[in-house]
């Protein structure tokens, strides 16, 4: 939930419900529509990159994705965002 206030008014939402929705979203990934998590040597999460399916249209459902990136505050501006996005884009190209 760290950083949620950067994009949303966290006071508007029930935090328990938000956590459950994020958990469901995280667990419902298939193929290229997935999450990639960067961790350090101590298994602390440094950031993540996701591709989330945005269309259920039969001709488009495996073509369009929303890309989201999250980097922890103490890891920002160190190049991780670009590394994650570059990696995910290469993975997506393999599927084409």
C-alpha atoms as a PDB file:
ATOM      1  CA  UNK A   1       0.000   0.000   0.000  1.00  0.00           C
ATOM      2  CA  UNK A   2       3.069   2.223   0.198  1.00  0.00           C
ATOM      3  CA  UNK A   3       2.704   5.106  -2.226  1.00  0.00           C
ATOM      4  CA  UNK A   4      -1.042   4.680  -2.875  1.00  0.00           C
ATOM      5  CA  UNK A   5      -1.584   8.286  -1.817  1.00  0.00           C
ATOM      6  CA  UNK A   6       0.538   9.402  -4.788  1.00  0.00           C
ATOM      7  CA  UNK A   7      -2.242   8.379  -7.160  1.00  0.00           C
ATOM      8  CA  UNK A   8      -5.379   8.063  -5.082  1.00  0.00           C
ATOM      9  CA  UNK A   9      -7.005   9.558  -2.024  1.00  0.00           C
ATOM     10  CA  UNK A  10      -6.480   6.578   0.279  1.00  0.00           C
ATOM     11  CA  UNK A  11      -9.035   7.966   2.726  1.00  0.00           C
ATOM     12  CA  UNK A  12     -11.778   7.390   0.129  1.00  0.00           C
ATOM     13  CA  UNK A  13     -11.260   3.639   0.172  1.00  0.00           C
ATOM     14  CA  UNK A  14     -11.494   0.876   2.706  1.00  0.00           C
ATOM     15  CA  UNK A  15      -7.873  -0.319   3.039  1.00  0.00           C
ATOM     16  CA  UNK A  16      -8.944  -3.910   3.708  1.00  0.00           C
ATOM     17  CA  UNK A  17     -10.994  -3.953   0.482  1.00  0.00           C
ATOM     18  CA  UNK A  18      -8.128  -2.337  -1.451  1.00  0.00           C
ATOM     19  CA  UNK A  19      -5.662  -4.948  -0.235  1.00  0.00           C
ATOM     20  CA  UNK A  20      -8.065  -7.719  -1.268  1.00  0.00           C
ATOM     21  CA  UNK A  21      -8.563  -6.222  -4.740  1.00  0.00           C
ATOM     22  CA  UNK A  22      -4.801  -5.865  -5.247  1.00  0.00           C
ATOM     23  CA  UNK A  23      -4.328  -9.457  -4.057  1.00  0.00           C
ATOM     24  CA  UNK A  24      -6.953 -10.745  -6.518  1.00  0.00           C
ATOM     25  CA  UNK A  25      -5.417  -8.696  -9.312  1.00  0.00           C
ATOM     26  CA  UNK A  26      -1.975 -10.072  -8.510  1.00  0.00           C
ATOM     27  CA  UNK A  27      -3.174 -13.684  -8.388  1.00  0.00           C
ATOM     28  CA  UNK A  28      -5.191 -13.525 -11.635  1.00  0.00           C
ATOM     29  CA  UNK A  29      -2.293 -13.264 -14.080  1.00  0.00           C
ATOM     30  CA  UNK A  30      -1.678 -15.418 -17.125  1.00  0.00           C
ATOM     31  CA  UNK A  31       0.957 -15.332 -19.848  1.00  0.00           C
ATOM     32  CA  UNK A  32       2.304 -11.897 -20.669  1.00  0.00           C
ATOM     33  CA  UNK A  33      -0.348 -10.247 -18.498  1.00  0.00           C
ATOM     34  CA  UNK A  34       1.648 -10.567 -15.341  1.00  0.00           C
ATOM     35  CA  UNK A  35       3.700  -8.891 -12.606  1.00  0.00           C
ATOM     36  CA  UNK A  36       7.491  -8.817 -12.424  1.00  0.00           C
ATOM     37  CA  UNK A  37       8.946  -8.064  -9.010  1.00  0.00           C
ATOM     38  CA  UNK A  38      12.454  -6.752  -8.324  1.00  0.00           C
ATOM     39  CA  UNK A  39      13.954  -7.772  -4.993  1.00  0.00           C
ATOM     40  CA  UNK A  40      17.288  -7.188  -3.308  1.00  0.00           C
ATOM     41  CA  UNK A  41      19.645  -9.813  -1.849  1.00  0.00           C
ATOM     42  CA  UNK A  42      17.570  -9.873   1.366  1.00  0.00           C
ATOM     43  CA  UNK A  43      14.308 -10.480  -0.550  1.00  0.00           C
ATOM     44  CA  UNK A  44      13.018  -6.947   0.098  1.00  0.00           C
ATOM     45  CA  UNK A  45      10.739  -5.718  -2.686  1.00  0.00           C
ATOM     46  CA  UNK A  46      12.349  -2.821  -4.576  1.00  0.00           C
ATOM     47  CA  UNK A  47       9.632  -2.411  -7.177  1.00  0.00           C
ATOM     48  CA  UNK A  48       7.380  -4.104  -9.662  1.00  0.00           C
ATOM     49  CA  UNK A  49       6.169  -3.787 -13.235  1.00  0.00           C
ATOM     50  CA  UNK A  50       2.892  -5.162 -14.511  1.00  0.00           C
ATOM     51  CA  UNK A  51       1.013  -5.649 -17.739  1.00  0.00           C
ATOM     52  CA  UNK A  52      -2.717  -5.852 -17.105  1.00  0.00           C
ATOM     53  CA  UNK A  53      -5.166  -6.942 -19.801  1.00  0.00           C
ATOM     54  CA  UNK A  54      -7.433  -4.052 -20.803  1.00  0.00           C
ATOM     55  CA  UNK A  55      -9.699  -5.638 -23.400  1.00  0.00           C
ATOM     56  CA  UNK A  56     -11.906  -8.705 -23.498  1.00  0.00           C
ATOM     57  CA  UNK A  57     -12.728  -8.253 -27.179  1.00  0.00           C
ATOM     58  CA  UNK A  58     -11.838 -11.551 -28.930  1.00  0.00           C
ATOM     59  CA  UNK A  59      -9.614  -9.844 -31.523  1.00  0.00           C
ATOM     60  CA  UNK A  60      -7.872  -7.546 -29.043  1.00  0.00           C
ATOM     61  CA  UNK A  61      -7.822  -9.394 -25.719  1.00  0.00           C
ATOM     62  CA  UNK A  62      -4.218 -10.593 -26.018  1.00  0.00           C
ATOM     63  CA  UNK A  63      -2.932  -7.426 -27.659  1.00  0.00           C
ATOM     64  CA  UNK A  64      -3.580  -4.458 -25.367  1.00  0.00           C
ATOM     65  CA  UNK A  65      -2.222  -4.002 -21.863  1.00  0.00           C
ATOM     66  CA  UNK A  66      -1.966  -1.298 -19.265  1.00  0.00           C
ATOM     67  CA  UNK A  67       1.564  -0.977 -17.973  1.00  0.00           C
ATOM     68  CA  UNK A  68       2.088  -0.035 -14.332  1.00  0.00           C
ATOM     69  CA  UNK A  69       5.342   0.547 -12.510  1.00  0.00           C
ATOM     70  CA  UNK A  70       5.984   0.906  -8.809  1.00  0.00           C
ATOM     71  CA  UNK A  71       9.369   1.669  -7.251  1.00  0.00           C
ATOM     72  CA  UNK A  72       9.905   1.993  -3.488  1.00  0.00           C
ATOM     73  CA  UNK A  73      10.824   5.473  -2.294  1.00  0.00           C
ATOM     74  CA  UNK A  74      14.378   4.563  -1.294  1.00  0.00           C
ATOM     75  CA  UNK A  75      15.034   2.930  -4.698  1.00  0.00           C
ATOM     76  CA  UNK A  76      13.727   5.687  -6.984  1.00  0.00           C
ATOM     77  CA  UNK A  77      16.021   7.497  -9.422  1.00  0.00           C
ATOM     78  CA  UNK A  78      18.489   4.600  -9.523  1.00  0.00           C
ATOM     79  CA  UNK A  79      17.456   3.174 -12.908  1.00  0.00           C
ATOM     80  CA  UNK A  80      15.234   0.331 -11.691  1.00  0.00           C
ATOM     81  CA  UNK A  81      12.101   1.644 -13.424  1.00  0.00           C
ATOM     82  CA  UNK A  82      13.811   1.567 -16.811  1.00  0.00           C
ATOM     83  CA  UNK A  83      15.332  -1.851 -16.160  1.00  0.00           C
ATOM     84  CA  UNK A  84      11.940  -3.324 -15.251  1.00  0.00           C
ATOM     85  CA  UNK A  85      10.144  -1.741 -18.198  1.00  0.00           C
ATOM     86  CA  UNK A  86      12.865  -2.809 -20.662  1.00  0.00           C
ATOM     87  CA  UNK A  87      12.744  -6.370 -19.343  1.00  0.00           C
ATOM     88  CA  UNK A  88       8.948  -6.581 -19.561  1.00  0.00           C
ATOM     89  CA  UNK A  89       8.902  -5.146 -23.079  1.00  0.00           C
ATOM     90  CA  UNK A  90      11.400  -7.809 -24.197  1.00  0.00           C
ATOM     91  CA  UNK A  91       9.206 -10.487 -22.609  1.00  0.00           C
ATOM     92  CA  UNK A  92       6.148  -9.085 -24.412  1.00  0.00           C
ATOM     93  CA  UNK A  93       7.987  -9.140 -27.743  1.00  0.00           C
ATOM     94  CA  UNK A  94       8.642 -12.866 -27.309  1.00  0.00           C
ATOM     95  CA  UNK A  95       4.897 -13.504 -27.253  1.00  0.00           C
ATOM     96  CA  UNK A  96       4.166 -11.641 -30.491  1.00  0.00           C
END
